[in-house]
Amino acid sequence: MNAQHKQFSARINRIERKAKAMEHGSEAKLRKDGLIELRPARRPLRRFVPVRLVLALIAAGIGYKVFLLISMGEPAYAARLAELSDGTTVNQIGATLMQIDPVTRMLTDLIAPYVG
């Protein structure tokens, strides 16, 4: 393969990549020399961060807190949080996230009579 053929193949590959990226839309930009250039549109953040996954993780975290609160009891849970808040920075962040919030309290009060 000679050099001209390699350059041509590379140019074709660049054009195909740009065309594939522009399938989801494009933005027109005016360059300094007056030429209008089309660029692939930026994808919104929600395409990179699946909303359902984030909601599922939040629900799982709250469910875990409710499970711990029901199984340990509130005094033991509060004692464990106090231990965590005296630890390292990571432990303090964990203690802050694991504190009993209104949603956890409501779900615990709702579920606890049925669990025992």
PDB file of N, CA and C in Angstrom:
ATOM      1  N   MET A   1       0.850  -1.178   0.000  1.00  0.00           N
ATOM      2  CA  MET A   1       0.000   0.000   0.000  1.00  0.00           C
ATOM      3  C   MET A   1       0.896   1.242   0.000  1.00  0.00           C
ATOM      4  N   ASN A   2       0.662   2.137  -0.936  1.00  0.00           N
ATOM      5  CA  ASN A   2       1.504   3.324  -0.989  1.00  0.00           C
ATOM      6  C   ASN A   2       0.987   4.411  -0.052  1.00  0.00           C
ATOM      7  N   ALA A   3       1.741   5.470   0.095  1.00  0.00           N
ATOM      8  CA  ALA A   3       1.431   6.536   1.048  1.00  0.00           C
ATOM      9  C   ALA A   3       0.130   7.254   0.699  1.00  0.00           C
ATOM     10  N   GLN A   4      -0.126   7.453  -0.586  1.00  0.00           N
ATOM     11  CA  GLN A   4      -1.360   8.139  -0.985  1.00  0.00           C
ATOM     12  C   GLN A   4      -2.588   7.320  -0.623  1.00  0.00           C
ATOM     13  N   HIS A   5      -2.498   6.027  -0.777  1.00  0.00           N
ATOM     14  CA  HIS A   5      -3.634   5.164  -0.444  1.00  0.00           C
ATOM     15  C   HIS A   5      -3.876   5.172   1.058  1.00  0.00           C
ATOM     16  N   LYS A   6      -2.818   5.177   1.870  1.00  0.00           N
ATOM     17  CA  LYS A   6      -2.966   5.237   3.325  1.00  0.00           C
ATOM     18  C   LYS A   6      -3.622   6.547   3.749  1.00  0.00           C
ATOM     19  N   GLN A   7      -3.197   7.664   3.131  1.00  0.00           N
ATOM     20  CA  GLN A   7      -3.801   8.958   3.456  1.00  0.00           C
ATOM     21  C   GLN A   7      -5.278   8.971   3.075  1.00  0.00           C
ATOM     22  N   PHE A   8      -5.598   8.398   1.930  1.00  0.00           N
ATOM     23  CA  PHE A   8      -6.986   8.348   1.491  1.00  0.00           C
ATOM     24  C   PHE A   8      -7.826   7.497   2.445  1.00  0.00           C
ATOM     25  N   SER A   9      -7.318   6.355   2.852  1.00  0.00           N
ATOM     26  CA  SER A   9      -8.045   5.481   3.786  1.00  0.00           C
ATOM     27  C   SER A   9      -8.256   6.175   5.131  1.00  0.00           C
ATOM     28  N   ALA A  10      -7.242   6.883   5.607  1.00  0.00           N
ATOM     29  CA  ALA A  10      -7.371   7.605   6.875  1.00  0.00           C
ATOM     30  C   ALA A  10      -8.428   8.695   6.767  1.00  0.00           C
ATOM     31  N   ARG A  11      -8.460   9.392   5.619  1.00  0.00           N
ATOM     32  CA  ARG A  11      -9.455  10.448   5.426  1.00  0.00           C
ATOM     33  C   ARG A  11     -10.864   9.857   5.380  1.00  0.00           C
ATOM     34  N   ILE A  12     -11.033   8.748   4.701  1.00  0.00           N
ATOM     35  CA  ILE A  12     -12.337   8.081   4.649  1.00  0.00           C
ATOM     36  C   ILE A  12     -12.774   7.670   6.050  1.00  0.00           C
ATOM     37  N   ASN A  13     -11.861   7.120   6.850  1.00  0.00           N
ATOM     38  CA  ASN A  13     -12.185   6.722   8.224  1.00  0.00           C
ATOM     39  C   ASN A  13     -12.627   7.917   9.063  1.00  0.00           C
ATOM     40  N   ARG A  14     -11.928   9.059   8.919  1.00  0.00           N
ATOM     41  CA  ARG A  14     -12.314  10.264   9.667  1.00  0.00           C
ATOM     42  C   ARG A  14     -13.699  10.734   9.267  1.00  0.00           C
ATOM     43  N   ILE A  15     -13.980  10.729   7.977  1.00  0.00           N
ATOM     44  CA  ILE A  15     -15.292  11.168   7.479  1.00  0.00           C
ATOM     45  C   ILE A  15     -16.398  10.247   7.991  1.00  0.00           C
ATOM     46  N   GLU A  16     -16.159   8.937   7.972  1.00  0.00           N
ATOM     47  CA  GLU A  16     -17.169   7.993   8.460  1.00  0.00           C
ATOM     48  C   GLU A  16     -17.413   8.152   9.956  1.00  0.00           C
ATOM     49  N   ARG A  17     -16.347   8.367  10.743  1.00  0.00           N
ATOM     50  CA  ARG A  17     -16.500   8.594  12.184  1.00  0.00           C
ATOM     51  C   ARG A  17     -17.312   9.849  12.457  1.00  0.00           C
ATOM     52  N   LYS A  18     -17.023  10.918  11.720  1.00  0.00           N
ATOM     53  CA  LYS A  18     -17.746  12.178  11.915  1.00  0.00           C
ATOM     54  C   LYS A  18     -19.210  12.025  11.504  1.00  0.00           C
ATOM     55  N   ALA A  19     -19.471  11.312  10.419  1.00  0.00           N
ATOM     56  CA  ALA A  19     -20.854  11.104   9.976  1.00  0.00           C
ATOM     57  C   ALA A  19     -21.631  10.285  11.001  1.00  0.00           C
ATOM     58  N   LYS A  20     -20.992   9.276  11.577  1.00  0.00           N
ATOM     59  CA  LYS A  20     -21.659   8.468  12.592  1.00  0.00           C
ATOM     60  C   LYS A  20     -21.955   9.305  13.838  1.00  0.00           C
ATOM     61  N   ALA A  21     -21.004  10.163  14.217  1.00  0.00           N
ATOM     62  CA  ALA A  21     -21.214  11.023  15.386  1.00  0.00           C
ATOM     63  C   ALA A  21     -22.317  12.044  15.137  1.00  0.00           C
ATOM     64  N   MET A  22     -22.505  12.449  13.888  1.00  0.00           N
ATOM     65  CA  MET A  22     -23.506  13.462  13.565  1.00  0.00           C
ATOM     66  C   MET A  22     -24.898  12.867  13.345  1.00  0.00           C
ATOM     67  N   GLU A  23     -25.050  11.550  13.506  1.00  0.00           N
ATOM     68  CA  GLU A  23     -26.375  10.933  13.375  1.00  0.00           C
ATOM     69  C   GLU A  23     -27.332  11.447  14.444  1.00  0.00           C
ATOM     70  N   HIS A  24     -26.810  11.860  15.584  1.00  0.00           N
ATOM     71  CA  HIS A  24     -27.632  12.335  16.702  1.00  0.00           C
ATOM     72  C   HIS A  24     -27.803  13.851  16.681  1.00  0.00           C
ATOM     73  N   GLY A  25     -27.418  14.493  15.605  1.00  0.00           N
ATOM     74  CA  GLY A  25     -27.575  15.928  15.488  1.00  0.00           C
ATOM     75  C   GLY A  25     -26.227  16.611  15.317  1.00  0.00           C
ATOM     76  N   SER A  26     -26.290  17.860  14.896  1.00  0.00           N
ATOM     77  CA  SER A  26     -25.050  18.603  14.691  1.00  0.00           C
ATOM     78  C   SER A  26     -25.251  20.067  15.070  1.00  0.00           C
ATOM     79  N   GLU A  27     -24.132  20.735  15.283  1.00  0.00           N
ATOM     80  CA  GLU A  27     -24.127  22.161  15.597  1.00  0.00           C
ATOM     81  C   GLU A  27     -23.277  22.868  14.553  1.00  0.00           C
ATOM     82  N   ALA A  28     -23.768  24.011  14.074  1.00  0.00           N
ATOM     83  CA  ALA A  28     -23.010  24.793  13.107  1.00  0.00           C
ATOM     84  C   ALA A  28     -22.159  25.811  13.859  1.00  0.00           C
ATOM     85  N   LYS A  29     -20.868  25.851  13.539  1.00  0.00           N
ATOM     86  CA  LYS A  29     -19.938  26.805  14.149  1.00  0.00           C
ATOM     87  C   LYS A  29     -19.307  27.642  13.038  1.00  0.00           C
ATOM     88  N   LEU A  30     -19.210  28.918  13.282  1.00  0.00           N
ATOM     89  CA  LEU A  30     -18.583  29.819  12.328  1.00  0.00           C
ATOM     90  C   LEU A  30     -17.108  29.957  12.689  1.00  0.00           C
ATOM     91  N   ARG A  31     -16.237  29.559  11.780  1.00  0.00           N
ATOM     92  CA  ARG A  31     -14.802  29.661  12.036  1.00  0.00           C
ATOM     93  C   ARG A  31     -14.321  31.085  11.799  1.00  0.00           C
ATOM     94  N   LYS A  32     -13.108  31.374  12.233  1.00  0.00           N
ATOM     95  CA  LYS A  32     -12.556  32.729  12.093  1.00  0.00           C
ATOM     96  C   LYS A  32     -12.414  33.166  10.640  1.00  0.00           C
ATOM     97  N   ASP A  33     -12.220  32.200   9.755  1.00  0.00           N
ATOM     98  CA  ASP A  33     -12.069  32.546   8.343  1.00  0.00           C
ATOM     99  C   ASP A  33     -13.400  32.676   7.604  1.00  0.00           C
ATOM    100  N   GLY A  34     -14.535  32.532   8.321  1.00  0.00           N
ATOM    101  CA  GLY A  34     -15.848  32.721   7.729  1.00  0.00           C
ATOM    102  C   GLY A  34     -16.500  31.442   7.236  1.00  0.00           C
ATOM    103  N   LEU A  35     -15.817  30.325   7.354  1.00  0.00           N
ATOM    104  CA  LEU A  35     -16.364  29.057   6.907  1.00  0.00           C
ATOM    105  C   LEU A  35     -17.254  28.468   7.998  1.00  0.00           C
ATOM    106  N   ILE A  36     -18.403  27.974   7.615  1.00  0.00           N
ATOM    107  CA  ILE A  36     -19.314  27.339   8.570  1.00  0.00           C
ATOM    108  C   ILE A  36     -18.951  25.857   8.630  1.00  0.00           C
ATOM    109  N   GLU A  37     -18.684  25.393   9.836  1.00  0.00           N
ATOM    110  CA  GLU A  37     -18.274  24.010  10.035  1.00  0.00           C
ATOM    111  C   GLU A  37     -19.319  23.292  10.892  1.00  0.00           C
ATOM    112  N   LEU A  38     -19.726  22.112  10.467  1.00  0.00           N
ATOM    113  CA  LEU A  38     -20.670  21.309  11.234  1.00  0.00           C
ATOM    114  C   LEU A  38     -19.891  20.380  12.151  1.00  0.00           C
ATOM    115  N   ARG A  39     -20.294  20.380  13.418  1.00  0.00           N
ATOM    116  CA  ARG A  39     -19.676  19.504  14.411  1.00  0.00           C
ATOM    117  C   ARG A  39     -20.768  18.659  15.047  1.00  0.00           C
ATOM    118  N   PRO A  40     -20.426  17.467  15.501  1.00  0.00           N
ATOM    119  CA  PRO A  40     -21.436  16.648  16.184  1.00  0.00           C
ATOM    120  C   PRO A  40     -21.949  17.357  17.423  1.00  0.00           C
ATOM    121  N   ALA A  41     -23.268  17.273  17.647  1.00  0.00           N
ATOM    122  CA  ALA A  41     -23.871  17.910  18.822  1.00  0.00           C
ATOM    123  C   ALA A  41     -23.426  17.162  20.074  1.00  0.00           C
ATOM    124  N   ARG A  42     -23.259  17.906  21.146  1.00  0.00           N
ATOM    125  CA  ARG A  42     -22.903  17.275  22.415  1.00  0.00           C
ATOM    126  C   ARG A  42     -24.102  16.503  22.929  1.00  0.00           C
ATOM    127  N   ARG A  43     -23.814  15.365  23.481  1.00  0.00           N
ATOM    128  CA  ARG A  43     -24.887  14.565  24.067  1.00  0.00           C
ATOM    129  C   ARG A  43     -25.215  15.116  25.442  1.00  0.00           C
ATOM    130  N   PRO A  44     -26.496  15.159  25.773  1.00  0.00           N
ATOM    131  CA  PRO A  44     -26.863  15.642  27.104  1.00  0.00           C
ATOM    132  C   PRO A  44     -26.366  14.682  28.185  1.00  0.00           C
ATOM    133  N   LEU A  45     -26.236  15.194  29.397  1.00  0.00           N
ATOM    134  CA  LEU A  45     -25.691  14.425  30.501  1.00  0.00           C
ATOM    135  C   LEU A  45     -26.528  13.189  30.799  1.00  0.00           C
ATOM    136  N   ARG A  46     -27.829  13.262  30.590  1.00  0.00           N
ATOM    137  CA  ARG A  46     -28.677  12.126  30.937  1.00  0.00           C
ATOM    138  C   ARG A  46     -28.374  10.894  30.094  1.00  0.00           C
ATOM    139  N   ARG A  47     -27.729  11.062  28.964  1.00  0.00           N
ATOM    140  CA  ARG A  47     -27.349   9.895  28.164  1.00  0.00           C
ATOM    141  C   ARG A  47     -26.142   9.198  28.771  1.00  0.00           C
ATOM    142  N   PHE A  48     -25.307   9.941  29.474  1.00  0.00           N
ATOM    143  CA  PHE A  48     -24.125   9.356  30.082  1.00  0.00           C
ATOM    144  C   PHE A  48     -24.445   8.777  31.455  1.00  0.00           C
ATOM    145  N   VAL A  49     -25.387   9.377  32.175  1.00  0.00           N
ATOM    146  CA  VAL A  49     -25.769   8.912  33.501  1.00  0.00           C
ATOM    147  C   VAL A  49     -27.211   8.416  33.430  1.00  0.00           C
ATOM    148  N   PRO A  50     -27.399   7.109  33.441  1.00  0.00           N
ATOM    149  CA  PRO A  50     -28.763   6.586  33.364  1.00  0.00           C
ATOM    150  C   PRO A  50     -29.553   6.926  34.629  1.00  0.00           C
ATOM    151  N   VAL A  51     -30.657   7.620  34.449  1.00  0.00           N
ATOM    152  CA  VAL A  51     -31.464   8.101  35.568  1.00  0.00           C
ATOM    153  C   VAL A  51     -32.031   6.927  36.358  1.00  0.00           C
ATOM    154  N   ARG A  52     -32.454   5.890  35.683  1.00  0.00           N
ATOM    155  CA  ARG A  52     -33.016   4.725  36.386  1.00  0.00           C
ATOM    156  C   ARG A  52     -31.988   4.073  37.295  1.00  0.00           C
ATOM    157  N   LEU A  53     -30.748   4.020  36.844  1.00  0.00           N
ATOM    158  CA  LEU A  53     -29.693   3.432  37.669  1.00  0.00           C
ATOM    159  C   LEU A  53     -29.461   4.262  38.917  1.00  0.00           C
ATOM    160  N   VAL A  54     -29.437   5.572  38.775  1.00  0.00           N
ATOM    161  CA  VAL A  54     -29.245   6.445  39.933  1.00  0.00           C
ATOM    162  C   VAL A  54     -30.398   6.287  40.918  1.00  0.00           C
ATOM    163  N   LEU A  55     -31.629   6.262  40.409  1.00  0.00           N
ATOM    164  CA  LEU A  55     -32.784   6.075  41.291  1.00  0.00           C
ATOM    165  C   LEU A  55     -32.762   4.708  41.964  1.00  0.00           C
ATOM    166  N   ALA A  56     -32.331   3.679  41.245  1.00  0.00           N
ATOM    167  CA  ALA A  56     -32.243   2.343  41.836  1.00  0.00           C
ATOM    168  C   ALA A  56     -31.193   2.301  42.944  1.00  0.00           C
ATOM    169  N   LEU A  57     -30.068   2.986  42.745  1.00  0.00           N
ATOM    170  CA  LEU A  57     -29.033   3.026  43.781  1.00  0.00           C
ATOM    171  C   LEU A  57     -29.514   3.774  45.022  1.00  0.00           C
ATOM    172  N   ILE A  58     -30.243   4.860  44.822  1.00  0.00           N
ATOM    173  CA  ILE A  58     -30.784   5.604  45.965  1.00  0.00           C
ATOM    174  C   ILE A  58     -31.795   4.748  46.721  1.00  0.00           C
ATOM    175  N   ALA A  59     -32.675   4.062  45.980  1.00  0.00           N
ATOM    176  CA  ALA A  59     -33.667   3.200  46.615  1.00  0.00           C
ATOM    177  C   ALA A  59     -32.992   2.053  47.368  1.00  0.00           C
ATOM    178  N   ALA A  60     -31.938   1.491  46.794  1.00  0.00           N
ATOM    179  CA  ALA A  60     -31.217   0.412  47.469  1.00  0.00           C
ATOM    180  C   ALA A  60     -30.547   0.919  48.745  1.00  0.00           C
ATOM    181  N   GLY A  61     -29.977   2.115  48.696  1.00  0.00           N
ATOM    182  CA  GLY A  61     -29.357   2.694  49.892  1.00  0.00           C
ATOM    183  C   GLY A  61     -30.365   2.932  51.004  1.00  0.00           C
ATOM    184  N   ILE A  62     -31.512   3.462  50.641  1.00  0.00           N
ATOM    185  CA  ILE A  62     -32.560   3.701  51.649  1.00  0.00           C
ATOM    186  C   ILE A  62     -33.082   2.375  52.185  1.00  0.00           C
ATOM    187  N   GLY A  63     -33.239   1.393  51.311  1.00  0.00           N
ATOM    188  CA  GLY A  63     -33.679   0.072  51.754  1.00  0.00           C
ATOM    189  C   GLY A  63     -32.686  -0.563  52.719  1.00  0.00           C
ATOM    190  N   TYR A  64     -31.408  -0.390  52.439  1.00  0.00           N
ATOM    191  CA  TYR A  64     -30.365  -0.922  53.324  1.00  0.00           C
ATOM    192  C   TYR A  64     -30.419  -0.241  54.693  1.00  0.00           C
ATOM    193  N   LYS A  65     -30.611   1.067  54.692  1.00  0.00           N
ATOM    194  CA  LYS A  65     -30.715   1.792  55.963  1.00  0.00           C
ATOM    195  C   LYS A  65     -31.929   1.324  56.758  1.00  0.00           C
ATOM    196  N   VAL A  66     -33.055   1.123  56.080  1.00  0.00           N
ATOM    197  CA  VAL A  66     -34.268   0.651  56.766  1.00  0.00           C
ATOM    198  C   VAL A  66     -34.026  -0.738  57.348  1.00  0.00           C
ATOM    199  N   PHE A  67     -33.396  -1.625  56.565  1.00  0.00           N
ATOM    200  CA  PHE A  67     -33.096  -2.971  57.042  1.00  0.00           C
ATOM    201  C   PHE A  67     -32.211  -2.919  58.283  1.00  0.00           C
ATOM    202  N   LEU A  68     -31.143  -2.128  58.248  1.00  0.00           N
ATOM    203  CA  LEU A  68     -30.245  -2.023  59.408  1.00  0.00           C
ATOM    204  C   LEU A  68     -30.969  -1.454  60.620  1.00  0.00           C
ATOM    205  N   LEU A  69     -31.773  -0.443  60.412  1.00  0.00           N
ATOM    206  CA  LEU A  69     -32.478   0.184  61.524  1.00  0.00           C
ATOM    207  C   LEU A  69     -33.470  -0.780  62.170  1.00  0.00           C
ATOM    208  N   ILE A  70     -34.159  -1.557  61.366  1.00  0.00           N
ATOM    209  CA  ILE A  70     -35.114  -2.524  61.918  1.00  0.00           C
ATOM    210  C   ILE A  70     -34.379  -3.657  62.630  1.00  0.00           C
ATOM    211  N   SER A  71     -33.304  -4.164  62.022  1.00  0.00           N
ATOM    212  CA  SER A  71     -32.620  -5.320  62.608  1.00  0.00           C
ATOM    213  C   SER A  71     -31.796  -4.962  63.844  1.00  0.00           C
ATOM    214  N   MET A  72     -31.172  -3.792  63.853  1.00  0.00           N
ATOM    215  CA  MET A  72     -30.324  -3.411  64.980  1.00  0.00           C
ATOM    216  C   MET A  72     -31.097  -2.738  66.106  1.00  0.00           C
ATOM    217  N   GLY A  73     -32.142  -2.051  65.762  1.00  0.00           N
ATOM    218  CA  GLY A  73     -32.846  -1.227  66.737  1.00  0.00           C
ATOM    219  C   GLY A  73     -32.240   0.167  66.737  1.00  0.00           C
ATOM    220  N   GLU A  74     -33.054   1.133  67.111  1.00  0.00           N
ATOM    221  CA  GLU A  74     -32.598   2.523  67.022  1.00  0.00           C
ATOM    222  C   GLU A  74     -31.439   2.858  67.957  1.00  0.00           C
ATOM    223  N   PRO A  75     -31.406   2.396  69.223  1.00  0.00           N
ATOM    224  CA  PRO A  75     -30.268   2.743  70.090  1.00  0.00           C
ATOM    225  C   PRO A  75     -28.932   2.191  69.572  1.00  0.00           C
ATOM    226  N   ALA A  76     -28.918   0.946  69.116  1.00  0.00           N
ATOM    227  CA  ALA A  76     -27.682   0.358  68.599  1.00  0.00           C
ATOM    228  C   ALA A  76     -27.256   1.043  67.302  1.00  0.00           C
ATOM    229  N   TYR A  77     -28.230   1.385  66.466  1.00  0.00           N
ATOM    230  CA  TYR A  77     -27.939   2.073  65.207  1.00  0.00           C
ATOM    231  C   TYR A  77     -27.321   3.443  65.487  1.00  0.00           C
ATOM    232  N   ALA A  78     -27.904   4.169  66.442  1.00  0.00           N
ATOM    233  CA  ALA A  78     -27.368   5.493  66.808  1.00  0.00           C
ATOM    234  C   ALA A  78     -25.973   5.368  67.398  1.00  0.00           C
ATOM    235  N   ALA A  79     -25.713   4.322  68.194  1.00  0.00           N
ATOM    236  CA  ALA A  79     -24.378   4.117  68.766  1.00  0.00           C
ATOM    237  C   ALA A  79     -23.359   3.841  67.658  1.00  0.00           C
ATOM    238  N   ARG A  80     -23.747   3.053  66.680  1.00  0.00           N
ATOM    239  CA  ARG A  80     -22.836   2.754  65.565  1.00  0.00           C
ATOM    240  C   ARG A  80     -22.546   4.010  64.747  1.00  0.00           C
ATOM    241  N   LEU A  81     -23.551   4.846  64.541  1.00  0.00           N
ATOM    242  CA  LEU A  81     -23.333   6.109  63.827  1.00  0.00           C
ATOM    243  C   LEU A  81     -22.396   7.020  64.605  1.00  0.00           C
ATOM    244  N   ALA A  82     -22.514   7.015  65.937  1.00  0.00           N
ATOM    245  CA  ALA A  82     -21.619   7.828  66.759  1.00  0.00           C
ATOM    246  C   ALA A  82     -20.180   7.342  66.620  1.00  0.00           C
ATOM    247  N   GLU A  83     -19.974   6.024  66.549  1.00  0.00           N
ATOM    248  CA  GLU A  83     -18.631   5.482  66.345  1.00  0.00           C
ATOM    249  C   GLU A  83     -18.081   5.902  64.989  1.00  0.00           C
ATOM    250  N   LEU A  84     -18.919   5.823  63.981  1.00  0.00           N
ATOM    251  CA  LEU A  84     -18.477   6.203  62.639  1.00  0.00           C
ATOM    252  C   LEU A  84     -18.123   7.683  62.559  1.00  0.00           C
ATOM    253  N   SER A  85     -18.881   8.523  63.226  1.00  0.00           N
ATOM    254  CA  SER A  85     -18.628   9.964  63.135  1.00  0.00           C
ATOM    255  C   SER A  85     -17.334  10.370  63.824  1.00  0.00           C
ATOM    256  N   ASP A  86     -16.783   9.506  64.688  1.00  0.00           N
ATOM    257  CA  ASP A  86     -15.507   9.799  65.331  1.00  0.00           C
ATOM    258  C   ASP A  86     -14.322   9.298  64.521  1.00  0.00           C
ATOM    259  N   GLY A  87     -14.557   8.592  63.424  1.00  0.00           N
ATOM    260  CA  GLY A  87     -13.486   7.974  62.649  1.00  0.00           C
ATOM    261  C   GLY A  87     -12.873   8.906  61.620  1.00  0.00           C
ATOM    262  N   THR A  88     -12.355   8.298  60.573  1.00  0.00           N
ATOM    263  CA  THR A  88     -11.697   9.041  59.497  1.00  0.00           C
ATOM    264  C   THR A  88     -12.723   9.831  58.687  1.00  0.00           C
ATOM    265  N   THR A  89     -12.234  10.546  57.714  1.00  0.00           N
ATOM    266  CA  THR A  89     -13.110  11.356  56.868  1.00  0.00           C
ATOM    267  C   THR A  89     -14.111  10.475  56.120  1.00  0.00           C
ATOM    268  N   VAL A  90     -13.656   9.333  55.636  1.00  0.00           N
ATOM    269  CA  VAL A  90     -14.556   8.420  54.926  1.00  0.00           C
ATOM    270  C   VAL A  90     -15.645   7.917  55.875  1.00  0.00           C
ATOM    271  N   ASN A  91     -15.261   7.587  57.113  1.00  0.00           N
ATOM    272  CA  ASN A  91     -16.245   7.141  58.104  1.00  0.00           C
ATOM    273  C   ASN A  91     -17.242   8.249  58.422  1.00  0.00           C
ATOM    274  N   GLN A  92     -16.768   9.477  58.498  1.00  0.00           N
ATOM    275  CA  GLN A  92     -17.658  10.602  58.788  1.00  0.00           C
ATOM    276  C   GLN A  92     -18.652  10.820  57.650  1.00  0.00           C
ATOM    277  N   ILE A  93     -18.185  10.670  56.420  1.00  0.00           N
ATOM    278  CA  ILE A  93     -19.087  10.788  55.269  1.00  0.00           C
ATOM    279  C   ILE A  93     -20.129   9.677  55.317  1.00  0.00           C
ATOM    280  N   GLY A  94     -19.685   8.446  55.635  1.00  0.00           N
ATOM    281  CA  GLY A  94     -20.612   7.331  55.764  1.00  0.00           C
ATOM    282  C   GLY A  94     -21.632   7.570  56.860  1.00  0.00           C
ATOM    283  N   ALA A  95     -21.180   8.133  58.003  1.00  0.00           N
ATOM    284  CA  ALA A  95     -22.102   8.418  59.105  1.00  0.00           C
ATOM    285  C   ALA A  95     -23.138   9.460  58.681  1.00  0.00           C
ATOM    286  N   THR A  96     -22.702  10.443  57.914  1.00  0.00           N
ATOM    287  CA  THR A  96     -23.633  11.464  57.442  1.00  0.00           C
ATOM    288  C   THR A  96     -24.671  10.861  56.497  1.00  0.00           C
ATOM    289  N   LEU A  97     -24.222   9.994  55.591  1.00  0.00           N
ATOM    290  CA  LEU A  97     -25.150   9.371  54.644  1.00  0.00           C
ATOM    291  C   LEU A  97     -26.097   8.393  55.327  1.00  0.00           C
ATOM    292  N   MET A  98     -25.636   7.748  56.390  1.00  0.00           N
ATOM    293  CA  MET A  98     -26.445   6.718  57.054  1.00  0.00           C
ATOM    294  C   MET A  98     -27.338   7.270  58.167  1.00  0.00           C
ATOM    295  N   GLN A  99     -27.341   8.579  58.373  1.00  0.00           N
ATOM    296  CA  GLN A  99     -28.203   9.132  59.413  1.00  0.00           C
ATOM    297  C   GLN A  99     -29.670   8.875  59.083  1.00  0.00           C
ATOM    298  N   ILE A 100     -30.471   8.844  60.121  1.00  0.00           N
ATOM    299  CA  ILE A 100     -31.894   8.558  59.949  1.00  0.00           C
ATOM    300  C   ILE A 100     -32.580   9.806  59.407  1.00  0.00           C
ATOM    301  N   ASP A 101     -33.023   9.706  58.167  1.00  0.00           N
ATOM    302  CA  ASP A 101     -33.725  10.829  57.547  1.00  0.00           C
ATOM    303  C   ASP A 101     -35.231  10.561  57.602  1.00  0.00           C
ATOM    304  N   PRO A 102     -36.058  11.540  57.244  1.00  0.00           N
ATOM    305  CA  PRO A 102     -37.515  11.357  57.326  1.00  0.00           C
ATOM    306  C   PRO A 102     -38.053  10.186  56.497  1.00  0.00           C
ATOM    307  N   VAL A 103     -37.467   9.940  55.327  1.00  0.00           N
ATOM    308  CA  VAL A 103     -37.931   8.844  54.488  1.00  0.00           C
ATOM    309  C   VAL A 103     -37.620   7.506  55.158  1.00  0.00           C
ATOM    310  N   THR A 104     -36.411   7.381  55.705  1.00  0.00           N
ATOM    311  CA  THR A 104     -36.033   6.151  56.400  1.00  0.00           C
ATOM    312  C   THR A 104     -36.915   5.925  57.618  1.00  0.00           C
ATOM    313  N   ARG A 105     -37.167   6.983  58.369  1.00  0.00           N
ATOM    314  CA  ARG A 105     -38.016   6.876  59.560  1.00  0.00           C
ATOM    315  C   ARG A 105     -39.436   6.427  59.163  1.00  0.00           C
ATOM    316  N   MET A 106     -39.978   7.030  58.103  1.00  0.00           N
ATOM    317  CA  MET A 106     -41.329   6.692  57.672  1.00  0.00           C
ATOM    318  C   MET A 106     -41.408   5.232  57.218  1.00  0.00           C
ATOM    319  N   LEU A 107     -40.438   4.801  56.413  1.00  0.00           N
ATOM    320  CA  LEU A 107     -40.442   3.420  55.937  1.00  0.00           C
ATOM    321  C   LEU A 107     -40.223   2.426  57.076  1.00  0.00           C
ATOM    322  N   THR A 108     -39.384   2.786  58.030  1.00  0.00           N
ATOM    323  CA  THR A 108     -39.160   1.913  59.181  1.00  0.00           C
ATOM    324  C   THR A 108     -40.441   1.766  59.987  1.00  0.00           C
ATOM    325  N   ASP A 109     -41.123   2.880  60.244  1.00  0.00           N
ATOM    326  CA  ASP A 109     -42.376   2.818  60.986  1.00  0.00           C
ATOM    327  C   ASP A 109     -43.445   2.042  60.228  1.00  0.00           C
ATOM    328  N   LEU A 110     -43.382   2.076  58.910  1.00  0.00           N
ATOM    329  CA  LEU A 110     -44.366   1.366  58.092  1.00  0.00           C
ATOM    330  C   LEU A 110     -44.093  -0.123  58.053  1.00  0.00           C
ATOM    331  N   ILE A 111     -42.818  -0.520  57.959  1.00  0.00           N
ATOM    332  CA  ILE A 111     -42.448  -1.916  57.757  1.00  0.00           C
ATOM    333  C   ILE A 111     -42.261  -2.673  59.073  1.00  0.00           C
ATOM    334  N   ALA A 112     -41.780  -2.016  60.119  1.00  0.00           N
ATOM    335  CA  ALA A 112     -41.417  -2.680  61.377  1.00  0.00           C
ATOM    336  C   ALA A 112     -42.547  -3.524  61.978  1.00  0.00           C
ATOM    337  N   PRO A 113     -43.799  -3.091  61.980  1.00  0.00           N
ATOM    338  CA  PRO A 113     -44.838  -3.947  62.574  1.00  0.00           C
ATOM    339  C   PRO A 113     -45.020  -5.286  61.858  1.00  0.00           C
ATOM    340  N   TYR A 114     -44.727  -5.336  60.571  1.00  0.00           N
ATOM    341  CA  TYR A 114     -44.921  -6.547  59.808  1.00  0.00           C
ATOM    342  C   TYR A 114     -43.735  -7.505  59.904  1.00  0.00           C
ATOM    343  N   VAL A 115     -42.542  -6.943  60.184  1.00  0.00           N
ATOM    344  CA  VAL A 115     -41.339  -7.754  60.262  1.00  0.00           C
ATOM    345  C   VAL A 115     -41.240  -8.401  61.632  1.00  0.00           C
ATOM    346  N   GLY A 116     -41.585  -7.681  62.632  1.00  0.00           N
ATOM    347  CA  GLY A 116     -41.583  -8.280  63.957  1.00  0.00           C
ATOM    348  C   GLY A 116     -40.750  -7.491  64.834  1.00  0.00           C
TER     349      GLY A 116
END
